[in-house]
Amino acid sequence: MSNPDFSTQYDQTLMAIENIVEAAIEESDIELDYETVNDILTLTCANGSSIIITRQSATSQLWLAAKSGGFHFDFVDGQWLCDSDQESLGSKLQSICLTQGAVNINFKEAGIL
């Protein structure tokens, strides 16, 4: 994937995640904060733990860091897939938010996730 294409997909993904989190906060009053600074999205759970999503341009990957570990995602056939287990970003992120922050958000709704 070319660098401009990767950047576009990454930016769209961050925006989709932010929109999903914002909608969940408004609809369900969940306890999850989010902030994007320098292309790094940080989700902060009520217990103070963080879930961090970063861009890795050199490898054209999206990286997700959580208490359960670090995960690397490649953009394949229109979605982000974990390079170790082929789980989608939406599924992995939903699972991590639930186990780490006791927050249930359906990230699978966004097609690129």
PDB file of N, CA and C in Angstrom:
ATOM      1  N   MET A   1       0.853  -1.167   0.000  1.00  0.00           N
ATOM      2  CA  MET A   1       0.000   0.000   0.000  1.00  0.00           C
ATOM      3  C   MET A   1       0.901   1.233   0.000  1.00  0.00           C
ATOM      4  N   SER A   2       0.560   2.194  -0.822  1.00  0.00           N
ATOM      5  CA  SER A   2       1.350   3.415  -0.870  1.00  0.00           C
ATOM      6  C   SER A   2       1.157   4.217   0.413  1.00  0.00           C
ATOM      7  N   ASN A   3       2.106   5.056   0.725  1.00  0.00           N
ATOM      8  CA  ASN A   3       2.035   5.851   1.945  1.00  0.00           C
ATOM      9  C   ASN A   3       0.802   6.760   1.983  1.00  0.00           C
ATOM     10  N   PRO A   4       0.445   7.439   0.866  1.00  0.00           N
ATOM     11  CA  PRO A   4      -0.779   8.253   0.900  1.00  0.00           C
ATOM     12  C   PRO A   4      -2.040   7.416   1.144  1.00  0.00           C
ATOM     13  N   ASP A   5      -2.114   6.230   0.535  1.00  0.00           N
ATOM     14  CA  ASP A   5      -3.270   5.362   0.746  1.00  0.00           C
ATOM     15  C   ASP A   5      -3.333   4.898   2.201  1.00  0.00           C
ATOM     16  N   PHE A   6      -2.186   4.519   2.751  1.00  0.00           N
ATOM     17  CA  PHE A   6      -2.133   4.102   4.144  1.00  0.00           C
ATOM     18  C   PHE A   6      -2.578   5.238   5.061  1.00  0.00           C
ATOM     19  N   SER A   7      -2.069   6.427   4.813  1.00  0.00           N
ATOM     20  CA  SER A   7      -2.431   7.578   5.647  1.00  0.00           C
ATOM     21  C   SER A   7      -3.927   7.858   5.599  1.00  0.00           C
ATOM     22  N   THR A   8      -4.493   7.763   4.413  1.00  0.00           N
ATOM     23  CA  THR A   8      -5.932   7.981   4.264  1.00  0.00           C
ATOM     24  C   THR A   8      -6.722   6.943   5.053  1.00  0.00           C
ATOM     25  N   GLN A   9      -6.366   5.674   4.920  1.00  0.00           N
ATOM     26  CA  GLN A   9      -7.072   4.609   5.647  1.00  0.00           C
ATOM     27  C   GLN A   9      -6.924   4.775   7.157  1.00  0.00           C
ATOM     28  N   TYR A  10      -5.738   5.101   7.601  1.00  0.00           N
ATOM     29  CA  TYR A  10      -5.495   5.294   9.025  1.00  0.00           C
ATOM     30  C   TYR A  10      -6.332   6.458   9.563  1.00  0.00           C
ATOM     31  N   ASP A  11      -6.309   7.590   8.864  1.00  0.00           N
ATOM     32  CA  ASP A  11      -7.078   8.760   9.290  1.00  0.00           C
ATOM     33  C   ASP A  11      -8.567   8.454   9.342  1.00  0.00           C
ATOM     34  N   GLN A  12      -9.081   7.749   8.336  1.00  0.00           N
ATOM     35  CA  GLN A  12     -10.499   7.375   8.320  1.00  0.00           C
ATOM     36  C   GLN A  12     -10.830   6.441   9.482  1.00  0.00           C
ATOM     37  N   THR A  13      -9.906   5.564   9.802  1.00  0.00           N
ATOM     38  CA  THR A  13     -10.114   4.620  10.892  1.00  0.00           C
ATOM     39  C   THR A  13     -10.179   5.343  12.224  1.00  0.00           C
ATOM     40  N   LEU A  14      -9.251   6.259  12.470  1.00  0.00           N
ATOM     41  CA  LEU A  14      -9.285   7.015  13.721  1.00  0.00           C
ATOM     42  C   LEU A  14     -10.579   7.803  13.852  1.00  0.00           C
ATOM     43  N   MET A  15     -11.007   8.414  12.758  1.00  0.00           N
ATOM     44  CA  MET A  15     -12.249   9.180  12.791  1.00  0.00           C
ATOM     45  C   MET A  15     -13.446   8.269  13.075  1.00  0.00           C
ATOM     46  N   ALA A  16     -13.460   7.087  12.474  1.00  0.00           N
ATOM     47  CA  ALA A  16     -14.550   6.136  12.703  1.00  0.00           C
ATOM     48  C   ALA A  16     -14.588   5.699  14.168  1.00  0.00           C
ATOM     49  N   ILE A  17     -13.427   5.414  14.744  1.00  0.00           N
ATOM     50  CA  ILE A  17     -13.369   5.003  16.149  1.00  0.00           C
ATOM     51  C   ILE A  17     -13.860   6.136  17.042  1.00  0.00           C
ATOM     52  N   GLU A  18     -13.398   7.344  16.793  1.00  0.00           N
ATOM     53  CA  GLU A  18     -13.842   8.494  17.585  1.00  0.00           C
ATOM     54  C   GLU A  18     -15.357   8.674  17.492  1.00  0.00           C
ATOM     55  N   ASN A  19     -15.906   8.546  16.297  1.00  0.00           N
ATOM     56  CA  ASN A  19     -17.355   8.704  16.115  1.00  0.00           C
ATOM     57  C   ASN A  19     -18.129   7.628  16.863  1.00  0.00           C
ATOM     58  N   ILE A  20     -17.637   6.401  16.828  1.00  0.00           N
ATOM     59  CA  ILE A  20     -18.309   5.304  17.534  1.00  0.00           C
ATOM     60  C   ILE A  20     -18.255   5.530  19.040  1.00  0.00           C
ATOM     61  N   VAL A  21     -17.097   5.928  19.550  1.00  0.00           N
ATOM     62  CA  VAL A  21     -16.963   6.187  20.984  1.00  0.00           C
ATOM     63  C   VAL A  21     -17.848   7.353  21.401  1.00  0.00           C
ATOM     64  N   GLU A  22     -17.837   8.421  20.635  1.00  0.00           N
ATOM     65  CA  GLU A  22     -18.668   9.584  20.957  1.00  0.00           C
ATOM     66  C   GLU A  22     -20.152   9.216  20.981  1.00  0.00           C
ATOM     67  N   ALA A  23     -20.601   8.451  20.004  1.00  0.00           N
ATOM     68  CA  ALA A  23     -22.006   8.019  19.972  1.00  0.00           C
ATOM     69  C   ALA A  23     -22.333   7.141  21.181  1.00  0.00           C
ATOM     70  N   ALA A  24     -21.425   6.262  21.560  1.00  0.00           N
ATOM     71  CA  ALA A  24     -21.656   5.390  22.717  1.00  0.00           C
ATOM     72  C   ALA A  24     -21.726   6.201  24.002  1.00  0.00           C
ATOM     73  N   ILE A  25     -20.895   7.227  24.114  1.00  0.00           N
ATOM     74  CA  ILE A  25     -20.916   8.088  25.293  1.00  0.00           C
ATOM     75  C   ILE A  25     -22.252   8.817  25.377  1.00  0.00           C
ATOM     76  N   GLU A  26     -22.703   9.356  24.249  1.00  0.00           N
ATOM     77  CA  GLU A  26     -23.964  10.100  24.213  1.00  0.00           C
ATOM     78  C   GLU A  26     -25.166   9.195  24.474  1.00  0.00           C
ATOM     79  N   GLU A  27     -25.169   7.991  23.901  1.00  0.00           N
ATOM     80  CA  GLU A  27     -26.316   7.091  24.009  1.00  0.00           C
ATOM     81  C   GLU A  27     -26.368   6.345  25.332  1.00  0.00           C
ATOM     82  N   SER A  28     -25.206   5.920  25.829  1.00  0.00           N
ATOM     83  CA  SER A  28     -25.201   5.028  26.994  1.00  0.00           C
ATOM     84  C   SER A  28     -24.479   5.606  28.202  1.00  0.00           C
ATOM     85  N   ASP A  29     -23.938   6.800  28.061  1.00  0.00           N
ATOM     86  CA  ASP A  29     -23.210   7.430  29.153  1.00  0.00           C
ATOM     87  C   ASP A  29     -22.106   6.526  29.690  1.00  0.00           C
ATOM     88  N   ILE A  30     -21.382   5.882  28.773  1.00  0.00           N
ATOM     89  CA  ILE A  30     -20.289   5.001  29.178  1.00  0.00           C
ATOM     90  C   ILE A  30     -19.128   5.820  29.715  1.00  0.00           C
ATOM     91  N   GLU A  31     -18.280   5.184  30.487  1.00  0.00           N
ATOM     92  CA  GLU A  31     -17.126   5.868  31.054  1.00  0.00           C
ATOM     93  C   GLU A  31     -15.880   5.497  30.255  1.00  0.00           C
ATOM     94  N   LEU A  32     -15.656   6.268  29.204  1.00  0.00           N
ATOM     95  CA  LEU A  32     -14.494   6.082  28.341  1.00  0.00           C
ATOM     96  C   LEU A  32     -14.182   7.432  27.720  1.00  0.00           C
ATOM     97  N   ASP A  33     -12.981   7.909  27.929  1.00  0.00           N
ATOM     98  CA  ASP A  33     -12.561   9.170  27.330  1.00  0.00           C
ATOM     99  C   ASP A  33     -11.675   8.870  26.134  1.00  0.00           C
ATOM    100  N   TYR A  34     -11.588   9.820  25.211  1.00  0.00           N
ATOM    101  CA  TYR A  34     -10.702   9.648  24.066  1.00  0.00           C
ATOM    102  C   TYR A  34     -10.054  10.967  23.716  1.00  0.00           C
ATOM    103  N   GLU A  35      -8.854  10.864  23.171  1.00  0.00           N
ATOM    104  CA  GLU A  35      -8.114  12.043  22.763  1.00  0.00           C
ATOM    105  C   GLU A  35      -7.166  11.651  21.626  1.00  0.00           C
ATOM    106  N   THR A  36      -7.102  12.497  20.610  1.00  0.00           N
ATOM    107  CA  THR A  36      -6.164  12.278  19.518  1.00  0.00           C
ATOM    108  C   THR A  36      -5.159  13.418  19.512  1.00  0.00           C
ATOM    109  N   VAL A  37      -3.888  13.036  19.604  1.00  0.00           N
ATOM    110  CA  VAL A  37      -2.798  14.001  19.563  1.00  0.00           C
ATOM    111  C   VAL A  37      -1.708  13.426  18.672  1.00  0.00           C
ATOM    112  N   ASN A  38      -1.294  14.201  17.666  1.00  0.00           N
ATOM    113  CA  ASN A  38      -0.235  13.769  16.750  1.00  0.00           C
ATOM    114  C   ASN A  38      -0.495  12.393  16.151  1.00  0.00           C
ATOM    115  N   ASP A  39      -1.716  12.163  15.667  1.00  0.00           N
ATOM    116  CA  ASP A  39      -2.100  10.903  15.024  1.00  0.00           C
ATOM    117  C   ASP A  39      -2.080   9.700  15.967  1.00  0.00           C
ATOM    118  N   ILE A  40      -2.120   9.943  17.259  1.00  0.00           N
ATOM    119  CA  ILE A  40      -2.191   8.869  18.248  1.00  0.00           C
ATOM    120  C   ILE A  40      -3.522   9.012  18.974  1.00  0.00           C
ATOM    121  N   LEU A  41      -4.325   7.958  18.925  1.00  0.00           N
ATOM    122  CA  LEU A  41      -5.613   7.948  19.609  1.00  0.00           C
ATOM    123  C   LEU A  41      -5.458   7.199  20.920  1.00  0.00           C
ATOM    124  N   THR A  42      -5.823   7.866  22.008  1.00  0.00           N
ATOM    125  CA  THR A  42      -5.779   7.247  23.326  1.00  0.00           C
ATOM    126  C   THR A  42      -7.190   7.151  23.876  1.00  0.00           C
ATOM    127  N   LEU A  43      -7.602   5.931  24.206  1.00  0.00           N
ATOM    128  CA  LEU A  43      -8.867   5.686  24.892  1.00  0.00           C
ATOM    129  C   LEU A  43      -8.512   5.450  26.349  1.00  0.00           C
ATOM    130  N   THR A  44      -9.105   6.215  27.252  1.00  0.00           N
ATOM    131  CA  THR A  44      -8.813   6.078  28.669  1.00  0.00           C
ATOM    132  C   THR A  44     -10.047   5.537  29.377  1.00  0.00           C
ATOM    133  N   CYS A  45      -9.870   4.399  30.017  1.00  0.00           N
ATOM    134  CA  CYS A  45     -10.953   3.723  30.719  1.00  0.00           C
ATOM    135  C   CYS A  45     -11.159   4.355  32.096  1.00  0.00           C
ATOM    136  N   ALA A  46     -12.318   4.099  32.693  1.00  0.00           N
ATOM    137  CA  ALA A  46     -12.646   4.648  34.010  1.00  0.00           C
ATOM    138  C   ALA A  46     -11.645   4.211  35.071  1.00  0.00           C
ATOM    139  N   ASN A  47     -11.029   3.049  34.896  1.00  0.00           N
ATOM    140  CA  ASN A  47     -10.051   2.555  35.862  1.00  0.00           C
ATOM    141  C   ASN A  47      -8.670   3.177  35.661  1.00  0.00           C
ATOM    142  N   GLY A  48      -8.540   4.109  34.706  1.00  0.00           N
ATOM    143  CA  GLY A  48      -7.289   4.805  34.465  1.00  0.00           C
ATOM    144  C   GLY A  48      -6.377   4.144  33.444  1.00  0.00           C
ATOM    145  N   SER A  49      -6.704   2.955  33.003  1.00  0.00           N
ATOM    146  CA  SER A  49      -5.873   2.282  32.013  1.00  0.00           C
ATOM    147  C   SER A  49      -6.145   2.860  30.621  1.00  0.00           C
ATOM    148  N   SER A  50      -5.166   2.690  29.731  1.00  0.00           N
ATOM    149  CA  SER A  50      -5.266   3.269  28.394  1.00  0.00           C
ATOM    150  C   SER A  50      -5.170   2.206  27.309  1.00  0.00           C
ATOM    151  N   ILE A  51      -5.817   2.501  26.208  1.00  0.00           N
ATOM    152  CA  ILE A  51      -5.734   1.728  24.968  1.00  0.00           C
ATOM    153  C   ILE A  51      -5.243   2.728  23.934  1.00  0.00           C
ATOM    154  N   ILE A  52      -4.150   2.405  23.270  1.00  0.00           N
ATOM    155  CA  ILE A  52      -3.502   3.378  22.393  1.00  0.00           C
ATOM    156  C   ILE A  52      -3.410   2.831  20.971  1.00  0.00           C
ATOM    157  N   ILE A  53      -3.783   3.666  20.018  1.00  0.00           N
ATOM    158  CA  ILE A  53      -3.696   3.312  18.608  1.00  0.00           C
ATOM    159  C   ILE A  53      -2.737   4.292  17.939  1.00  0.00           C
ATOM    160  N   THR A  54      -1.742   3.738  17.252  1.00  0.00           N
ATOM    161  CA  THR A  54      -0.743   4.567  16.584  1.00  0.00           C
ATOM    162  C   THR A  54      -0.539   4.136  15.143  1.00  0.00           C
ATOM    163  N   ARG A  55       0.022   5.048  14.393  1.00  0.00           N
ATOM    164  CA  ARG A  55       0.358   4.831  12.992  1.00  0.00           C
ATOM    165  C   ARG A  55       1.811   4.375  12.907  1.00  0.00           C
ATOM    166  N   GLN A  56       2.070   3.352  12.122  1.00  0.00           N
ATOM    167  CA  GLN A  56       3.441   2.911  11.857  1.00  0.00           C
ATOM    168  C   GLN A  56       3.649   2.974  10.345  1.00  0.00           C
ATOM    169  N   SER A  57       4.010   4.151   9.873  1.00  0.00           N
ATOM    170  CA  SER A  57       4.113   4.395   8.434  1.00  0.00           C
ATOM    171  C   SER A  57       5.165   3.526   7.759  1.00  0.00           C
ATOM    172  N   ALA A  58       6.269   3.254   8.432  1.00  0.00           N
ATOM    173  CA  ALA A  58       7.356   2.485   7.817  1.00  0.00           C
ATOM    174  C   ALA A  58       6.907   1.086   7.411  1.00  0.00           C
ATOM    175  N   THR A  59       5.976   0.511   8.180  1.00  0.00           N
ATOM    176  CA  THR A  59       5.487  -0.839   7.884  1.00  0.00           C
ATOM    177  C   THR A  59       4.057  -0.829   7.342  1.00  0.00           C
ATOM    178  N   SER A  60       3.487   0.363   7.179  1.00  0.00           N
ATOM    179  CA  SER A  60       2.083   0.520   6.756  1.00  0.00           C
ATOM    180  C   SER A  60       1.155  -0.280   7.661  1.00  0.00           C
ATOM    181  N   GLN A  61       1.368  -0.151   8.961  1.00  0.00           N
ATOM    182  CA  GLN A  61       0.536  -0.855   9.933  1.00  0.00           C
ATOM    183  C   GLN A  61      -0.074   0.115  10.934  1.00  0.00           C
ATOM    184  N   LEU A  62      -1.181  -0.311  11.477  1.00  0.00           N
ATOM    185  CA  LEU A  62      -1.818   0.336  12.613  1.00  0.00           C
ATOM    186  C   LEU A  62      -1.461  -0.519  13.820  1.00  0.00           C
ATOM    187  N   TRP A  63      -0.975   0.109  14.882  1.00  0.00           N
ATOM    188  CA  TRP A  63      -0.610  -0.639  16.086  1.00  0.00           C
ATOM    189  C   TRP A  63      -1.565  -0.276  17.207  1.00  0.00           C
ATOM    190  N   LEU A  64      -1.954  -1.288  17.960  1.00  0.00           N
ATOM    191  CA  LEU A  64      -2.849  -1.124  19.095  1.00  0.00           C
ATOM    192  C   LEU A  64      -2.137  -1.658  20.338  1.00  0.00           C
ATOM    193  N   ALA A  65      -2.055  -0.833  21.365  1.00  0.00           N
ATOM    194  CA  ALA A  65      -1.425  -1.245  22.616  1.00  0.00           C
ATOM    195  C   ALA A  65      -2.470  -1.238  23.722  1.00  0.00           C
ATOM    196  N   ALA A  66      -2.487  -2.316  24.489  1.00  0.00           N
ATOM    197  CA  ALA A  66      -3.439  -2.467  25.583  1.00  0.00           C
ATOM    198  C   ALA A  66      -2.759  -3.237  26.714  1.00  0.00           C
ATOM    199  N   LYS A  67      -3.449  -3.374  27.827  1.00  0.00           N
ATOM    200  CA  LYS A  67      -2.876  -4.143  28.929  1.00  0.00           C
ATOM    201  C   LYS A  67      -2.600  -5.581  28.514  1.00  0.00           C
ATOM    202  N   SER A  68      -3.386  -6.103  27.601  1.00  0.00           N
ATOM    203  CA  SER A  68      -3.238  -7.497  27.165  1.00  0.00           C
ATOM    204  C   SER A  68      -2.114  -7.693  26.156  1.00  0.00           C
ATOM    205  N   GLY A  69      -1.523  -6.602  25.670  1.00  0.00           N
ATOM    206  CA  GLY A  69      -0.406  -6.728  24.739  1.00  0.00           C
ATOM    207  C   GLY A  69      -0.454  -5.722  23.618  1.00  0.00           C
ATOM    208  N   GLY A  70       0.452  -5.910  22.681  1.00  0.00           N
ATOM    209  CA  GLY A  70       0.521  -5.067  21.504  1.00  0.00           C
ATOM    210  C   GLY A  70       0.090  -5.851  20.279  1.00  0.00           C
ATOM    211  N   PHE A  71      -0.635  -5.206  19.383  1.00  0.00           N
ATOM    212  CA  PHE A  71      -1.183  -5.870  18.212  1.00  0.00           C
ATOM    213  C   PHE A  71      -0.910  -5.014  16.981  1.00  0.00           C
ATOM    214  N   HIS A  72      -0.517  -5.664  15.902  1.00  0.00           N
ATOM    215  CA  HIS A  72      -0.183  -4.982  14.651  1.00  0.00           C
ATOM    216  C   HIS A  72      -1.211  -5.368  13.590  1.00  0.00           C
ATOM    217  N   PHE A  73      -1.726  -4.360  12.891  1.00  0.00           N
ATOM    218  CA  PHE A  73      -2.785  -4.586  11.909  1.00  0.00           C
ATOM    219  C   PHE A  73      -2.363  -4.119  10.532  1.00  0.00           C
ATOM    220  N   ASP A  74      -2.661  -4.958   9.534  1.00  0.00           N
ATOM    221  CA  ASP A  74      -2.455  -4.631   8.131  1.00  0.00           C
ATOM    222  C   ASP A  74      -3.815  -4.362   7.505  1.00  0.00           C
ATOM    223  N   PHE A  75      -3.858  -3.441   6.536  1.00  0.00           N
ATOM    224  CA  PHE A  75      -5.102  -3.160   5.836  1.00  0.00           C
ATOM    225  C   PHE A  75      -5.208  -4.119   4.655  1.00  0.00           C
ATOM    226  N   VAL A  76      -6.136  -5.074   4.755  1.00  0.00           N
ATOM    227  CA  VAL A  76      -6.275  -6.139   3.766  1.00  0.00           C
ATOM    228  C   VAL A  76      -7.740  -6.230   3.327  1.00  0.00           C
ATOM    229  N   ASP A  77      -7.957  -6.173   2.028  1.00  0.00           N
ATOM    230  CA  ASP A  77      -9.314  -6.324   1.477  1.00  0.00           C
ATOM    231  C   ASP A  77     -10.335  -5.442   2.175  1.00  0.00           C
ATOM    232  N   GLY A  78      -9.965  -4.197   2.438  1.00  0.00           N
ATOM    233  CA  GLY A  78     -10.911  -3.224   2.970  1.00  0.00           C
ATOM    234  C   GLY A  78     -11.086  -3.225   4.472  1.00  0.00           C
ATOM    235  N   GLN A  79     -10.243  -3.962   5.198  1.00  0.00           N
ATOM    236  CA  GLN A  79     -10.352  -3.918   6.662  1.00  0.00           C
ATOM    237  C   GLN A  79      -9.000  -4.150   7.313  1.00  0.00           C
ATOM    238  N   TRP A  80      -8.888  -3.754   8.563  1.00  0.00           N
ATOM    239  CA  TRP A  80      -7.663  -3.939   9.335  1.00  0.00           C
ATOM    240  C   TRP A  80      -7.693  -5.310   9.977  1.00  0.00           C
ATOM    241  N   LEU A  81      -6.659  -6.125   9.690  1.00  0.00           N
ATOM    242  CA  LEU A  81      -6.560  -7.474  10.255  1.00  0.00           C
ATOM    243  C   LEU A  81      -5.267  -7.603  11.049  1.00  0.00           C
ATOM    244  N   CYS A  82      -5.373  -8.213  12.228  1.00  0.00           N
ATOM    245  CA  CYS A  82      -4.217  -8.433  13.084  1.00  0.00           C
ATOM    246  C   CYS A  82      -3.275  -9.416  12.407  1.00  0.00           C
ATOM    247  N   ASP A  83      -1.987  -9.082  12.362  1.00  0.00           N
ATOM    248  CA  ASP A  83      -1.048  -9.947  11.650  1.00  0.00           C
ATOM    249  C   ASP A  83      -0.748 -11.258  12.372  1.00  0.00           C
ATOM    250  N   SER A  84      -1.120 -11.376  13.648  1.00  0.00           N
ATOM    251  CA  SER A  84      -0.830 -12.615  14.377  1.00  0.00           C
ATOM    252  C   SER A  84      -1.987 -13.607  14.378  1.00  0.00           C
ATOM    253  N   ASP A  85      -3.230 -13.106  14.338  1.00  0.00           N
ATOM    254  CA  ASP A  85      -4.367 -14.029  14.420  1.00  0.00           C
ATOM    255  C   ASP A  85      -5.487 -13.730  13.416  1.00  0.00           C
ATOM    256  N   GLN A  86      -5.300 -12.724  12.576  1.00  0.00           N
ATOM    257  CA  GLN A  86      -6.260 -12.332  11.536  1.00  0.00           C
ATOM    258  C   GLN A  86      -7.591 -11.815  12.087  1.00  0.00           C
ATOM    259  N   GLU A  87      -7.645 -11.492  13.371  1.00  0.00           N
ATOM    260  CA  GLU A  87      -8.860 -10.902  13.950  1.00  0.00           C
ATOM    261  C   GLU A  87      -8.974  -9.460  13.467  1.00  0.00           C
ATOM    262  N   SER A  88     -10.184  -9.006  13.208  1.00  0.00           N
ATOM    263  CA  SER A  88     -10.376  -7.639  12.738  1.00  0.00           C
ATOM    264  C   SER A  88     -10.127  -6.648  13.871  1.00  0.00           C
ATOM    265  N   LEU A  89      -9.766  -5.433  13.486  1.00  0.00           N
ATOM    266  CA  LEU A  89      -9.537  -4.380  14.463  1.00  0.00           C
ATOM    267  C   LEU A  89     -10.794  -4.136  15.298  1.00  0.00           C
ATOM    268  N   GLY A  90     -11.948  -4.100  14.650  1.00  0.00           N
ATOM    269  CA  GLY A  90     -13.198  -3.857  15.381  1.00  0.00           C
ATOM    270  C   GLY A  90     -13.459  -4.907  16.437  1.00  0.00           C
ATOM    271  N   SER A  91     -13.265  -6.147  16.089  1.00  0.00           N
ATOM    272  CA  SER A  91     -13.483  -7.244  17.030  1.00  0.00           C
ATOM    273  C   SER A  91     -12.478  -7.195  18.179  1.00  0.00           C
ATOM    274  N   LYS A  92     -11.216  -6.977  17.843  1.00  0.00           N
ATOM    275  CA  LYS A  92     -10.163  -6.917  18.862  1.00  0.00           C
ATOM    276  C   LYS A  92     -10.389  -5.729  19.795  1.00  0.00           C
ATOM    277  N   LEU A  93     -10.722  -4.581  19.240  1.00  0.00           N
ATOM    278  CA  LEU A  93     -10.941  -3.385  20.039  1.00  0.00           C
ATOM    279  C   LEU A  93     -12.162  -3.534  20.941  1.00  0.00           C
ATOM    280  N   GLN A  94     -13.218  -4.149  20.429  1.00  0.00           N
ATOM    281  CA  GLN A  94     -14.410  -4.387  21.236  1.00  0.00           C
ATOM    282  C   GLN A  94     -14.078  -5.284  22.426  1.00  0.00           C
ATOM    283  N   SER A  95     -13.335  -6.341  22.171  1.00  0.00           N
ATOM    284  CA  SER A  95     -12.948  -7.278  23.219  1.00  0.00           C
ATOM    285  C   SER A  95     -12.058  -6.609  24.268  1.00  0.00           C
ATOM    286  N   ILE A  96     -11.100  -5.828  23.822  1.00  0.00           N
ATOM    287  CA  ILE A  96     -10.186  -5.154  24.744  1.00  0.00           C
ATOM    288  C   ILE A  96     -10.925  -4.139  25.608  1.00  0.00           C
ATOM    289  N   CYS A  97     -11.814  -3.358  25.013  1.00  0.00           N
ATOM    290  CA  CYS A  97     -12.580  -2.375  25.793  1.00  0.00           C
ATOM    291  C   CYS A  97     -13.421  -3.064  26.862  1.00  0.00           C
ATOM    292  N   LEU A  98     -13.967  -4.211  26.530  1.00  0.00           N
ATOM    293  CA  LEU A  98     -14.798  -4.941  27.485  1.00  0.00           C
ATOM    294  C   LEU A  98     -13.956  -5.516  28.621  1.00  0.00           C
ATOM    295  N   THR A  99     -12.863  -6.180  28.294  1.00  0.00           N
ATOM    296  CA  THR A  99     -12.056  -6.817  29.344  1.00  0.00           C
ATOM    297  C   THR A  99     -11.221  -5.813  30.123  1.00  0.00           C
ATOM    298  N   GLN A 100     -10.715  -4.795  29.481  1.00  0.00           N
ATOM    299  CA  GLN A 100      -9.841  -3.842  30.158  1.00  0.00           C
ATOM    300  C   GLN A 100     -10.614  -2.740  30.860  1.00  0.00           C
ATOM    301  N   GLY A 101     -11.694  -2.273  30.246  1.00  0.00           N
ATOM    302  CA  GLY A 101     -12.408  -1.125  30.804  1.00  0.00           C
ATOM    303  C   GLY A 101     -13.849  -1.362  31.177  1.00  0.00           C
ATOM    304  N   ALA A 102     -14.322  -2.608  31.042  1.00  0.00           N
ATOM    305  CA  ALA A 102     -15.710  -2.959  31.350  1.00  0.00           C
ATOM    306  C   ALA A 102     -16.698  -2.098  30.557  1.00  0.00           C
ATOM    307  N   VAL A 103     -16.321  -1.807  29.307  1.00  0.00           N
ATOM    308  CA  VAL A 103     -17.154  -1.000  28.421  1.00  0.00           C
ATOM    309  C   VAL A 103     -17.443  -1.820  27.179  1.00  0.00           C
ATOM    310  N   ASN A 104     -18.730  -1.957  26.850  1.00  0.00           N
ATOM    311  CA  ASN A 104     -19.115  -2.736  25.681  1.00  0.00           C
ATOM    312  C   ASN A 104     -19.529  -1.791  24.553  1.00  0.00           C
ATOM    313  N   ILE A 105     -18.673  -1.695  23.551  1.00  0.00           N
ATOM    314  CA  ILE A 105     -18.933  -0.843  22.384  1.00  0.00           C
ATOM    315  C   ILE A 105     -18.813  -1.709  21.146  1.00  0.00           C
ATOM    316  N   ASN A 106     -19.760  -1.572  20.234  1.00  0.00           N
ATOM    317  CA  ASN A 106     -19.738  -2.344  19.001  1.00  0.00           C
ATOM    318  C   ASN A 106     -18.939  -1.587  17.942  1.00  0.00           C
ATOM    319  N   PHE A 107     -17.659  -1.905  17.810  1.00  0.00           N
ATOM    320  CA  PHE A 107     -16.809  -1.278  16.811  1.00  0.00           C
ATOM    321  C   PHE A 107     -16.932  -1.953  15.468  1.00  0.00           C
ATOM    322  N   LYS A 108     -17.608  -3.083  15.398  1.00  0.00           N
ATOM    323  CA  LYS A 108     -17.709  -3.837  14.146  1.00  0.00           C
ATOM    324  C   LYS A 108     -18.628  -3.152  13.129  1.00  0.00           C
ATOM    325  N   GLU A 109     -19.425  -2.165  13.596  1.00  0.00           N
ATOM    326  CA  GLU A 109     -20.346  -1.485  12.706  1.00  0.00           C
ATOM    327  C   GLU A 109     -19.620  -0.720  11.597  1.00  0.00           C
ATOM    328  N   ALA A 110     -18.458  -0.199  11.919  1.00  0.00           N
ATOM    329  CA  ALA A 110     -17.700   0.551  10.909  1.00  0.00           C
ATOM    330  C   ALA A 110     -17.008  -0.448   9.997  1.00  0.00           C
ATOM    331  N   GLY A 111     -17.250  -0.355   8.715  1.00  0.00           N
ATOM    332  CA  GLY A 111     -16.747  -1.336   7.766  1.00  0.00           C
ATOM    333  C   GLY A 111     -15.245  -1.530   7.773  1.00  0.00           C
ATOM    334  N   ILE A 112     -14.476  -0.461   7.943  1.00  0.00           N
ATOM    335  CA  ILE A 112     -13.028  -0.585   7.891  1.00  0.00           C
ATOM    336  C   ILE A 112     -12.439  -1.147   9.169  1.00  0.00           C
ATOM    337  N   LEU A 113     -13.228  -1.282  10.179  1.00  0.00           N
ATOM    338  CA  LEU A 113     -12.720  -1.819  11.429  1.00  0.00           C
ATOM    339  C   LEU A 113     -12.888  -3.319  11.431  1.00  0.00           C
TER     340      LEU A 113
END
